């Protein structure tokens, strides 16, 4: 065996073979491996497991429909409307008008005093539950109404037990 410059002779003889064995210089390029088939197999396995797997019924979560859920009938609902037209009282405080009906009819408007308004909302919801067997409260509010106003109406209406609260946002005309 001849060694020149640290490399074995390229025509070295093997003891068992009559022909000389040829060694080539291997570069780093020769060791690059094509991983495309491996990626293909990985995706095929992923698809296989996704298609063949079944979800566990015990871990399923019942989510409400997102955007346009189940409609609430107006016949079995007490409707309260909150308008975006701000009014000022004698002291200069802002109030969003609240109406006990669908629409903004002046005769259905509640007084601006919050305590009196809460009493009238409670009475209307209680009357709707007892006299008309209504089970829902539908609160319609313009999109520009402050959340505190809607929360105040919800608080007054939710004092009647057994009623379900539903909110609706009125888009601009």
N, C-alpha and C. Protein backbone atom coordinates (compact mmCIF):
# COMPACT_ATOMS: atom_id res chain seq x y z
N UNK A 1 0.84 -1.16 0.00
CA UNK A 1 0.00 0.00 0.00
C UNK A 1 0.89 1.23 0.00
N UNK A 2 0.65 2.07 -0.97
CA UNK A 2 1.43 3.29 -1.09
C UNK A 2 0.60 4.44 -0.57
N UNK A 3 1.18 5.23 0.26
CA UNK A 3 0.48 6.39 0.78
C UNK A 3 1.26 7.62 0.34
N UNK A 4 0.56 8.46 -0.42
CA UNK A 4 1.16 9.71 -0.87
C UNK A 4 0.25 10.82 -0.43
N UNK A 5 0.79 11.77 0.26
CA UNK A 5 0.03 12.93 0.75
C UNK A 5 -1.15 12.49 1.63
N UNK A 6 -1.03 11.41 2.34
CA UNK A 6 -2.07 10.98 3.26
C UNK A 6 -3.21 10.26 2.60
N UNK A 7 -3.16 10.01 1.30
CA UNK A 7 -4.25 9.33 0.59
C UNK A 7 -3.76 7.97 0.14
N UNK A 8 -4.56 6.94 0.26
CA UNK A 8 -4.15 5.63 -0.23
C UNK A 8 -4.09 5.61 -1.74
N UNK A 9 -3.34 4.70 -2.27
CA UNK A 9 -3.20 4.55 -3.72
C UNK A 9 -4.53 4.15 -4.31
N UNK A 10 -4.90 4.76 -5.45
CA UNK A 10 -6.19 4.49 -6.04
C UNK A 10 -6.25 3.14 -6.73
N UNK A 11 -5.14 2.48 -6.94
CA UNK A 11 -5.14 1.17 -7.59
C UNK A 11 -4.66 0.11 -6.62
N UNK A 12 -5.11 0.15 -5.42
CA UNK A 12 -4.71 -0.78 -4.39
C UNK A 12 -5.30 -2.16 -4.67
N UNK A 13 -4.54 -3.24 -4.41
CA UNK A 13 -5.03 -4.59 -4.65
C UNK A 13 -5.62 -5.14 -3.37
N UNK A 14 -6.75 -5.81 -3.51
CA UNK A 14 -7.34 -6.51 -2.39
C UNK A 14 -6.83 -7.93 -2.42
N UNK A 15 -6.62 -8.51 -1.27
CA UNK A 15 -6.03 -9.86 -1.22
C UNK A 15 -6.95 -10.90 -1.81
N UNK A 16 -8.25 -10.75 -1.69
CA UNK A 16 -9.19 -11.76 -2.20
C UNK A 16 -9.57 -11.51 -3.65
N UNK A 17 -9.38 -10.33 -4.15
CA UNK A 17 -9.82 -9.99 -5.49
C UNK A 17 -8.64 -9.91 -6.43
N UNK A 18 -8.79 -10.50 -7.64
CA UNK A 18 -7.71 -10.42 -8.60
C UNK A 18 -7.60 -9.05 -9.26
N UNK A 19 -8.71 -8.27 -9.25
CA UNK A 19 -8.72 -6.96 -9.90
C UNK A 19 -8.39 -5.87 -8.90
N UNK A 20 -7.75 -4.83 -9.37
CA UNK A 20 -7.45 -3.74 -8.44
C UNK A 20 -8.72 -3.00 -8.04
N UNK A 21 -8.77 -2.59 -6.83
CA UNK A 21 -9.92 -1.84 -6.31
C UNK A 21 -9.65 -0.35 -6.51
N UNK A 22 -10.65 0.32 -7.04
CA UNK A 22 -10.49 1.73 -7.36
C UNK A 22 -11.23 2.56 -6.32
N UNK A 23 -10.59 3.46 -5.69
CA UNK A 23 -11.20 4.36 -4.73
C UNK A 23 -11.25 5.75 -5.34
N UNK A 24 -12.38 6.40 -5.15
CA UNK A 24 -12.51 7.75 -5.67
C UNK A 24 -12.54 8.73 -4.51
N UNK A 25 -12.17 9.92 -4.81
CA UNK A 25 -12.25 10.94 -3.78
C UNK A 25 -13.72 11.33 -3.62
N UNK A 26 -14.23 11.24 -2.40
CA UNK A 26 -15.62 11.59 -2.13
C UNK A 26 -15.69 13.02 -1.62
N UNK A 27 -16.58 13.77 -2.21
CA UNK A 27 -16.75 15.15 -1.77
C UNK A 27 -18.04 15.26 -0.96
N UNK A 28 -18.22 16.41 -0.36
CA UNK A 28 -19.42 16.62 0.45
C UNK A 28 -20.67 16.62 -0.41
N UNK A 29 -20.58 16.95 -1.69
CA UNK A 29 -21.73 16.95 -2.58
C UNK A 29 -22.30 15.55 -2.73
N UNK A 30 -21.48 14.56 -2.69
CA UNK A 30 -21.95 13.20 -2.88
C UNK A 30 -22.78 12.70 -1.70
N UNK A 31 -22.66 13.35 -0.53
CA UNK A 31 -23.39 12.90 0.65
C UNK A 31 -24.73 13.59 0.83
N UNK A 32 -25.10 14.54 -0.02
CA UNK A 32 -26.40 15.19 0.09
C UNK A 32 -27.49 14.19 -0.24
N UNK A 33 -28.53 14.19 0.59
CA UNK A 33 -29.60 13.23 0.41
C UNK A 33 -30.87 13.97 0.00
N UNK A 34 -31.62 13.43 -0.93
CA UNK A 34 -32.88 14.01 -1.37
C UNK A 34 -33.97 13.59 -0.37
N UNK A 35 -34.55 14.56 0.35
CA UNK A 35 -35.54 14.23 1.36
C UNK A 35 -36.97 14.40 0.87
N UNK A 36 -37.15 14.68 -0.40
CA UNK A 36 -38.49 14.85 -0.95
C UNK A 36 -39.37 13.62 -0.73
N UNK A 37 -38.89 12.41 -1.01
CA UNK A 37 -39.76 11.24 -0.75
C UNK A 37 -40.11 11.09 0.73
N UNK A 38 -39.21 11.46 1.63
CA UNK A 38 -39.49 11.36 3.06
C UNK A 38 -40.61 12.35 3.45
N UNK A 39 -40.57 13.54 2.87
CA UNK A 39 -41.61 14.53 3.15
C UNK A 39 -42.94 14.04 2.59
N UNK A 40 -42.93 13.46 1.40
CA UNK A 40 -44.16 12.92 0.81
C UNK A 40 -44.76 11.85 1.71
N UNK A 41 -43.96 10.95 2.20
CA UNK A 41 -44.45 9.88 3.07
C UNK A 41 -45.00 10.46 4.37
N UNK A 42 -44.33 11.48 4.91
CA UNK A 42 -44.80 12.10 6.15
C UNK A 42 -46.19 12.71 5.96
N UNK A 43 -46.39 13.43 4.86
CA UNK A 43 -47.70 14.02 4.61
C UNK A 43 -48.75 12.95 4.34
N UNK A 44 -48.39 11.88 3.67
CA UNK A 44 -49.35 10.80 3.44
C UNK A 44 -49.76 10.15 4.76
N UNK A 45 -48.82 9.97 5.67
CA UNK A 45 -49.16 9.41 6.98
C UNK A 45 -50.04 10.37 7.77
N UNK A 46 -49.74 11.64 7.71
CA UNK A 46 -50.55 12.63 8.40
C UNK A 46 -51.98 12.62 7.88
N UNK A 47 -52.14 12.62 6.58
CA UNK A 47 -53.48 12.57 5.98
C UNK A 47 -54.19 11.28 6.37
N UNK A 48 -53.48 10.17 6.36
CA UNK A 48 -54.07 8.89 6.73
C UNK A 48 -54.62 8.93 8.15
N UNK A 49 -53.82 9.44 9.10
CA UNK A 49 -54.26 9.46 10.49
C UNK A 49 -55.39 10.46 10.71
N UNK A 50 -55.38 11.56 9.99
CA UNK A 50 -56.48 12.52 10.12
C UNK A 50 -57.79 11.95 9.60
N UNK A 51 -57.72 11.24 8.49
CA UNK A 51 -58.93 10.68 7.89
C UNK A 51 -59.46 9.50 8.69
N UNK A 52 -58.57 8.68 9.21
CA UNK A 52 -58.98 7.46 9.90
C UNK A 52 -59.30 7.65 11.37
N UNK A 53 -58.94 8.79 11.94
CA UNK A 53 -59.19 8.97 13.37
C UNK A 53 -60.64 9.38 13.60
N UNK A 54 -61.15 9.01 14.76
CA UNK A 54 -62.50 9.41 15.16
C UNK A 54 -62.39 10.25 16.42
N UNK A 55 -63.22 11.26 16.52
CA UNK A 55 -63.16 12.12 17.69
C UNK A 55 -63.92 11.47 18.84
N UNK A 56 -63.47 11.74 20.04
CA UNK A 56 -64.09 11.20 21.23
C UNK A 56 -65.31 12.04 21.56
N UNK A 57 -66.46 11.40 21.69
CA UNK A 57 -67.70 12.13 21.96
C UNK A 57 -67.69 12.78 23.34
N UNK A 58 -66.92 12.23 24.27
CA UNK A 58 -66.88 12.80 25.61
C UNK A 58 -66.14 14.13 25.65
N UNK A 59 -65.23 14.35 24.73
CA UNK A 59 -64.47 15.60 24.74
C UNK A 59 -65.06 16.65 23.82
N UNK A 60 -66.15 16.36 23.17
CA UNK A 60 -66.77 17.33 22.25
C UNK A 60 -67.35 18.49 23.06
N UNK A 61 -67.25 19.67 22.51
CA UNK A 61 -67.74 20.88 23.15
C UNK A 61 -68.89 21.43 22.31
N UNK A 62 -70.00 21.71 22.95
CA UNK A 62 -71.13 22.30 22.25
C UNK A 62 -70.96 23.81 22.24
N UNK A 63 -70.67 24.36 21.08
CA UNK A 63 -70.48 25.80 20.94
C UNK A 63 -71.70 26.42 20.29
N UNK A 64 -72.07 27.60 20.71
CA UNK A 64 -73.19 28.26 20.03
C UNK A 64 -72.77 28.69 18.64
N UNK A 65 -73.76 28.85 17.78
CA UNK A 65 -73.44 29.33 16.44
C UNK A 65 -72.93 30.75 16.55
N UNK A 66 -71.97 31.06 15.75
CA UNK A 66 -71.23 32.30 15.94
C UNK A 66 -71.98 33.55 15.53
N UNK A 67 -72.30 33.69 14.30
CA UNK A 67 -72.75 35.00 13.84
C UNK A 67 -74.26 35.18 13.88
N UNK A 68 -74.98 34.34 13.24
CA UNK A 68 -76.42 34.48 13.18
C UNK A 68 -77.04 33.25 13.80
N UNK A 69 -76.99 33.20 15.12
CA UNK A 69 -77.48 32.04 15.86
C UNK A 69 -78.97 31.87 15.72
N UNK A 70 -79.48 31.01 16.53
CA UNK A 70 -80.91 30.70 16.52
C UNK A 70 -81.71 31.96 16.82
N UNK A 71 -82.70 32.20 16.02
CA UNK A 71 -83.51 33.40 16.18
C UNK A 71 -84.42 33.32 17.39
N UNK A 72 -84.71 34.45 17.96
CA UNK A 72 -85.61 34.54 19.10
C UNK A 72 -86.91 35.14 18.60
N UNK A 73 -87.99 34.44 18.85
CA UNK A 73 -89.29 34.93 18.40
C UNK A 73 -89.75 36.12 19.22
N UNK A 74 -90.31 37.08 18.55
CA UNK A 74 -90.78 38.28 19.24
C UNK A 74 -92.06 38.02 20.01
N UNK A 75 -92.78 36.99 19.64
CA UNK A 75 -94.05 36.69 20.32
C UNK A 75 -93.83 36.18 21.74
N UNK A 76 -92.73 35.48 21.96
CA UNK A 76 -92.48 34.97 23.31
C UNK A 76 -91.34 35.72 23.98
N UNK A 77 -91.18 37.01 23.63
CA UNK A 77 -90.11 37.83 24.22
C UNK A 77 -90.64 39.18 24.66
N UNK A 78 -90.11 39.64 25.77
CA UNK A 78 -90.32 41.02 26.19
C UNK A 78 -89.23 41.83 25.51
N UNK A 79 -89.61 42.81 24.74
CA UNK A 79 -88.64 43.57 23.94
C UNK A 79 -88.38 44.92 24.60
N UNK A 80 -87.10 45.23 24.74
CA UNK A 80 -86.66 46.52 25.29
C UNK A 80 -85.69 47.12 24.27
N UNK A 81 -85.92 48.35 23.86
CA UNK A 81 -85.09 49.01 22.86
C UNK A 81 -84.34 50.16 23.50
N UNK A 82 -83.04 50.26 23.21
CA UNK A 82 -82.21 51.36 23.71
C UNK A 82 -81.75 52.16 22.49
N UNK A 83 -82.08 53.43 22.48
CA UNK A 83 -81.78 54.29 21.33
C UNK A 83 -80.44 55.01 21.55
N UNK A 84 -79.86 55.42 20.43
CA UNK A 84 -78.57 56.14 20.52
C UNK A 84 -78.74 57.65 20.61
N UNK A 85 -79.97 58.17 20.47
CA UNK A 85 -80.19 59.60 20.56
C UNK A 85 -80.06 60.05 22.01
N UNK A 86 -78.98 60.69 22.32
CA UNK A 86 -78.69 61.09 23.69
C UNK A 86 -79.53 62.31 24.06
N UNK A 87 -80.13 62.22 25.25
CA UNK A 87 -80.88 63.36 25.77
C UNK A 87 -80.18 63.85 27.04
N UNK A 88 -80.37 65.12 27.36
CA UNK A 88 -79.78 65.71 28.56
C UNK A 88 -80.88 66.04 29.55
N UNK A 89 -80.63 65.75 30.81
CA UNK A 89 -81.60 66.14 31.84
C UNK A 89 -81.28 67.55 32.35
N UNK A 90 -82.00 67.98 33.40
CA UNK A 90 -81.82 69.34 33.91
C UNK A 90 -80.40 69.59 34.42
N UNK A 91 -79.75 68.55 34.90
CA UNK A 91 -78.42 68.70 35.47
C UNK A 91 -77.32 68.55 34.43
N UNK A 92 -77.69 68.25 33.19
CA UNK A 92 -76.72 68.12 32.11
C UNK A 92 -76.18 66.70 31.93
N UNK A 93 -76.79 65.72 32.61
CA UNK A 93 -76.37 64.33 32.46
C UNK A 93 -76.94 63.73 31.18
N UNK A 94 -76.13 62.91 30.53
CA UNK A 94 -76.58 62.27 29.29
C UNK A 94 -77.37 61.00 29.60
N UNK A 95 -78.42 60.79 28.81
CA UNK A 95 -79.23 59.58 28.96
C UNK A 95 -79.54 59.02 27.58
N UNK A 96 -79.47 57.69 27.48
CA UNK A 96 -79.90 57.02 26.26
C UNK A 96 -81.36 56.61 26.48
N UNK A 97 -82.26 57.01 25.60
CA UNK A 97 -83.67 56.67 25.78
C UNK A 97 -83.90 55.16 25.73
N UNK A 98 -84.75 54.67 26.65
CA UNK A 98 -85.10 53.25 26.72
C UNK A 98 -86.60 53.14 26.48
N UNK A 99 -86.97 52.20 25.60
CA UNK A 99 -88.37 52.00 25.23
C UNK A 99 -88.79 50.58 25.56
N UNK A 100 -90.02 50.40 26.07
CA UNK A 100 -90.56 49.08 26.35
C UNK A 100 -91.37 48.61 25.16
N UNK A 101 -90.71 48.35 24.08
CA UNK A 101 -91.37 47.82 22.89
C UNK A 101 -90.34 47.76 21.78
N UNK A 102 -90.78 47.21 20.67
CA UNK A 102 -89.93 47.19 19.50
C UNK A 102 -90.17 48.49 18.74
N UNK A 103 -89.18 49.32 18.71
CA UNK A 103 -89.33 50.60 18.05
C UNK A 103 -89.18 51.73 19.04
N UNK A 104 -89.32 52.93 18.52
CA UNK A 104 -89.07 54.11 19.34
C UNK A 104 -90.31 54.98 19.39
N UNK A 105 -91.38 54.41 19.90
CA UNK A 105 -92.64 55.15 20.04
C UNK A 105 -92.59 55.90 21.36
N UNK A 106 -92.88 57.17 21.31
CA UNK A 106 -92.71 58.04 22.48
C UNK A 106 -93.57 57.61 23.66
N UNK A 107 -94.73 57.03 23.43
CA UNK A 107 -95.59 56.60 24.55
C UNK A 107 -95.01 55.39 25.29
N UNK A 108 -94.09 54.67 24.68
CA UNK A 108 -93.46 53.51 25.32
C UNK A 108 -92.12 53.86 25.97
N UNK A 109 -91.74 55.12 25.93
CA UNK A 109 -90.45 55.54 26.48
C UNK A 109 -90.51 55.56 28.00
N UNK A 110 -89.42 55.07 28.59
CA UNK A 110 -89.30 55.06 30.04
C UNK A 110 -88.69 56.37 30.51
N UNK A 111 -88.95 56.75 31.76
CA UNK A 111 -88.34 57.99 32.27
C UNK A 111 -86.83 57.85 32.36
N UNK A 112 -86.13 58.98 32.37
CA UNK A 112 -84.67 58.97 32.38
C UNK A 112 -84.08 58.62 33.74
N UNK A 113 -84.84 58.73 34.80
CA UNK A 113 -84.33 58.41 36.14
C UNK A 113 -84.04 56.90 36.21
N UNK A 114 -82.81 56.56 36.56
CA UNK A 114 -82.37 55.16 36.51
C UNK A 114 -83.16 54.26 37.46
N UNK A 115 -83.44 54.73 38.67
CA UNK A 115 -84.18 53.90 39.62
C UNK A 115 -85.59 53.61 39.13
N UNK A 116 -86.25 54.63 38.65
CA UNK A 116 -87.63 54.47 38.13
C UNK A 116 -87.61 53.59 36.88
N UNK A 117 -86.60 53.76 36.05
CA UNK A 117 -86.46 52.96 34.84
C UNK A 117 -86.27 51.48 35.18
N UNK A 118 -85.43 51.18 36.17
CA UNK A 118 -85.20 49.80 36.58
C UNK A 118 -86.47 49.16 37.12
N UNK A 119 -87.25 49.91 37.89
CA UNK A 119 -88.52 49.39 38.41
C UNK A 119 -89.49 49.06 37.28
N UNK A 120 -89.57 49.94 36.29
CA UNK A 120 -90.50 49.72 35.19
C UNK A 120 -90.06 48.56 34.30
N UNK A 121 -88.75 48.39 34.11
CA UNK A 121 -88.24 47.25 33.33
C UNK A 121 -88.57 45.96 34.05
N UNK A 122 -88.32 45.93 35.37
CA UNK A 122 -88.63 44.73 36.16
C UNK A 122 -90.12 44.40 36.07
N UNK A 123 -90.98 45.41 36.23
CA UNK A 123 -92.43 45.20 36.19
C UNK A 123 -92.86 44.69 34.82
N UNK A 124 -92.30 45.23 33.75
CA UNK A 124 -92.68 44.80 32.40
C UNK A 124 -92.24 43.36 32.14
N UNK A 125 -91.06 42.99 32.59
CA UNK A 125 -90.58 41.62 32.39
C UNK A 125 -91.40 40.65 33.23
N UNK A 126 -91.70 41.03 34.47
CA UNK A 126 -92.51 40.18 35.35
C UNK A 126 -93.91 40.00 34.75
N UNK A 127 -94.51 41.07 34.26
CA UNK A 127 -95.84 41.00 33.63
C UNK A 127 -95.81 40.12 32.39
N UNK A 128 -94.75 40.25 31.58
CA UNK A 128 -94.64 39.41 30.39
C UNK A 128 -94.49 37.94 30.73
N UNK A 129 -93.80 37.64 31.81
CA UNK A 129 -93.63 36.25 32.23
C UNK A 129 -94.93 35.68 32.78
N UNK A 130 -95.62 36.41 33.66
CA UNK A 130 -96.81 35.90 34.32
C UNK A 130 -98.05 35.93 33.42
N UNK A 131 -98.32 37.05 32.79
CA UNK A 131 -99.56 37.21 32.03
C UNK A 131 -99.49 36.59 30.63
N UNK A 132 -98.36 36.74 29.95
CA UNK A 132 -98.28 36.32 28.56
C UNK A 132 -97.39 35.09 28.36
N UNK A 133 -96.86 34.51 29.43
CA UNK A 133 -96.01 33.31 29.40
C UNK A 133 -94.78 33.50 28.51
N UNK A 134 -94.24 34.68 28.55
CA UNK A 134 -93.02 34.94 27.78
C UNK A 134 -91.82 34.45 28.58
N UNK A 135 -90.84 33.92 27.87
CA UNK A 135 -89.68 33.33 28.55
C UNK A 135 -88.35 33.99 28.16
N UNK A 136 -88.39 34.96 27.27
CA UNK A 136 -87.16 35.63 26.80
C UNK A 136 -87.27 37.14 26.99
N UNK A 137 -86.12 37.76 27.17
CA UNK A 137 -86.02 39.22 27.14
C UNK A 137 -85.08 39.55 25.99
N UNK A 138 -85.57 40.29 25.02
CA UNK A 138 -84.78 40.69 23.87
C UNK A 138 -84.44 42.18 24.01
N UNK A 139 -83.17 42.47 24.18
CA UNK A 139 -82.72 43.85 24.32
C UNK A 139 -82.09 44.28 23.02
N UNK A 140 -82.71 45.25 22.37
CA UNK A 140 -82.21 45.79 21.12
C UNK A 140 -81.55 47.13 21.42
N UNK A 141 -80.32 47.27 20.96
CA UNK A 141 -79.59 48.52 21.20
C UNK A 141 -78.89 48.94 19.92
N UNK A 142 -78.87 50.25 19.69
CA UNK A 142 -78.10 50.79 18.58
C UNK A 142 -76.63 50.51 18.83
N UNK A 143 -75.87 50.40 17.76
CA UNK A 143 -74.47 50.02 17.90
C UNK A 143 -73.64 51.07 18.63
N UNK A 144 -74.09 52.31 18.69
CA UNK A 144 -73.32 53.37 19.35
C UNK A 144 -73.69 53.56 20.82
N UNK A 145 -74.58 52.73 21.36
CA UNK A 145 -74.97 52.84 22.76
C UNK A 145 -73.85 52.31 23.64
N UNK A 146 -73.56 53.03 24.70
CA UNK A 146 -72.50 52.62 25.63
C UNK A 146 -72.87 51.31 26.31
N UNK A 147 -71.86 50.48 26.56
CA UNK A 147 -72.08 49.18 27.18
C UNK A 147 -72.69 49.30 28.57
N UNK A 148 -72.33 50.32 29.30
CA UNK A 148 -72.87 50.48 30.66
C UNK A 148 -74.38 50.63 30.64
N UNK A 149 -74.91 51.25 29.58
CA UNK A 149 -76.37 51.41 29.47
C UNK A 149 -77.04 50.06 29.22
N UNK A 150 -76.45 49.26 28.35
CA UNK A 150 -77.00 47.93 28.08
C UNK A 150 -76.89 47.07 29.33
N UNK A 151 -75.77 47.12 30.02
CA UNK A 151 -75.58 46.33 31.23
C UNK A 151 -76.58 46.73 32.32
N UNK A 152 -76.89 48.00 32.40
CA UNK A 152 -77.87 48.48 33.38
C UNK A 152 -79.25 47.91 33.10
N UNK A 153 -79.63 47.87 31.82
CA UNK A 153 -80.93 47.31 31.45
C UNK A 153 -80.95 45.80 31.69
N UNK A 154 -79.86 45.13 31.37
CA UNK A 154 -79.77 43.68 31.61
C UNK A 154 -79.90 43.39 33.10
N UNK A 155 -79.25 44.19 33.93
CA UNK A 155 -79.31 43.98 35.38
C UNK A 155 -80.74 44.12 35.89
N UNK A 156 -81.45 45.11 35.39
CA UNK A 156 -82.84 45.30 35.83
C UNK A 156 -83.74 44.16 35.35
N UNK A 157 -83.54 43.71 34.12
CA UNK A 157 -84.40 42.65 33.57
C UNK A 157 -84.07 41.28 34.14
N UNK A 158 -82.82 41.06 34.54
CA UNK A 158 -82.42 39.74 35.02
C UNK A 158 -82.85 39.48 36.45
N UNK A 159 -83.47 40.44 37.11
CA UNK A 159 -83.98 40.21 38.46
C UNK A 159 -85.17 39.26 38.44
N UNK A 160 -85.82 39.12 37.29
CA UNK A 160 -86.92 38.17 37.16
C UNK A 160 -86.30 36.81 36.84
N UNK A 161 -86.54 35.84 37.71
CA UNK A 161 -85.92 34.53 37.55
C UNK A 161 -86.57 33.75 36.40
N UNK A 162 -85.75 32.95 35.74
CA UNK A 162 -86.24 32.07 34.68
C UNK A 162 -86.31 32.70 33.31
N UNK A 163 -85.89 33.93 33.19
CA UNK A 163 -85.92 34.61 31.90
C UNK A 163 -84.55 34.51 31.25
N UNK A 164 -84.53 34.30 29.94
CA UNK A 164 -83.29 34.24 29.19
C UNK A 164 -83.07 35.58 28.50
N UNK A 165 -81.84 36.09 28.62
CA UNK A 165 -81.51 37.38 28.03
C UNK A 165 -80.92 37.17 26.64
N UNK A 166 -81.37 37.98 25.69
CA UNK A 166 -80.86 37.97 24.32
C UNK A 166 -80.57 39.41 23.92
N UNK A 167 -79.45 39.58 23.22
CA UNK A 167 -79.06 40.92 22.78
C UNK A 167 -79.10 41.00 21.27
N UNK A 168 -79.51 42.14 20.78
CA UNK A 168 -79.51 42.40 19.34
C UNK A 168 -78.90 43.78 19.12
N UNK A 169 -78.08 43.91 18.09
CA UNK A 169 -77.47 45.19 17.75
C UNK A 169 -78.18 45.74 16.52
N UNK A 170 -78.66 46.95 16.65
CA UNK A 170 -79.34 47.61 15.53
C UNK A 170 -78.29 48.35 14.72
N UNK A 171 -78.19 48.00 13.45
CA UNK A 171 -77.23 48.68 12.56
C UNK A 171 -77.78 50.05 12.21
N UNK A 172 -76.90 50.91 11.75
CA UNK A 172 -77.32 52.25 11.37
C UNK A 172 -78.23 52.20 10.15
N UNK A 173 -79.20 53.08 10.13
CA UNK A 173 -80.14 53.13 9.00
C UNK A 173 -79.53 53.81 7.81
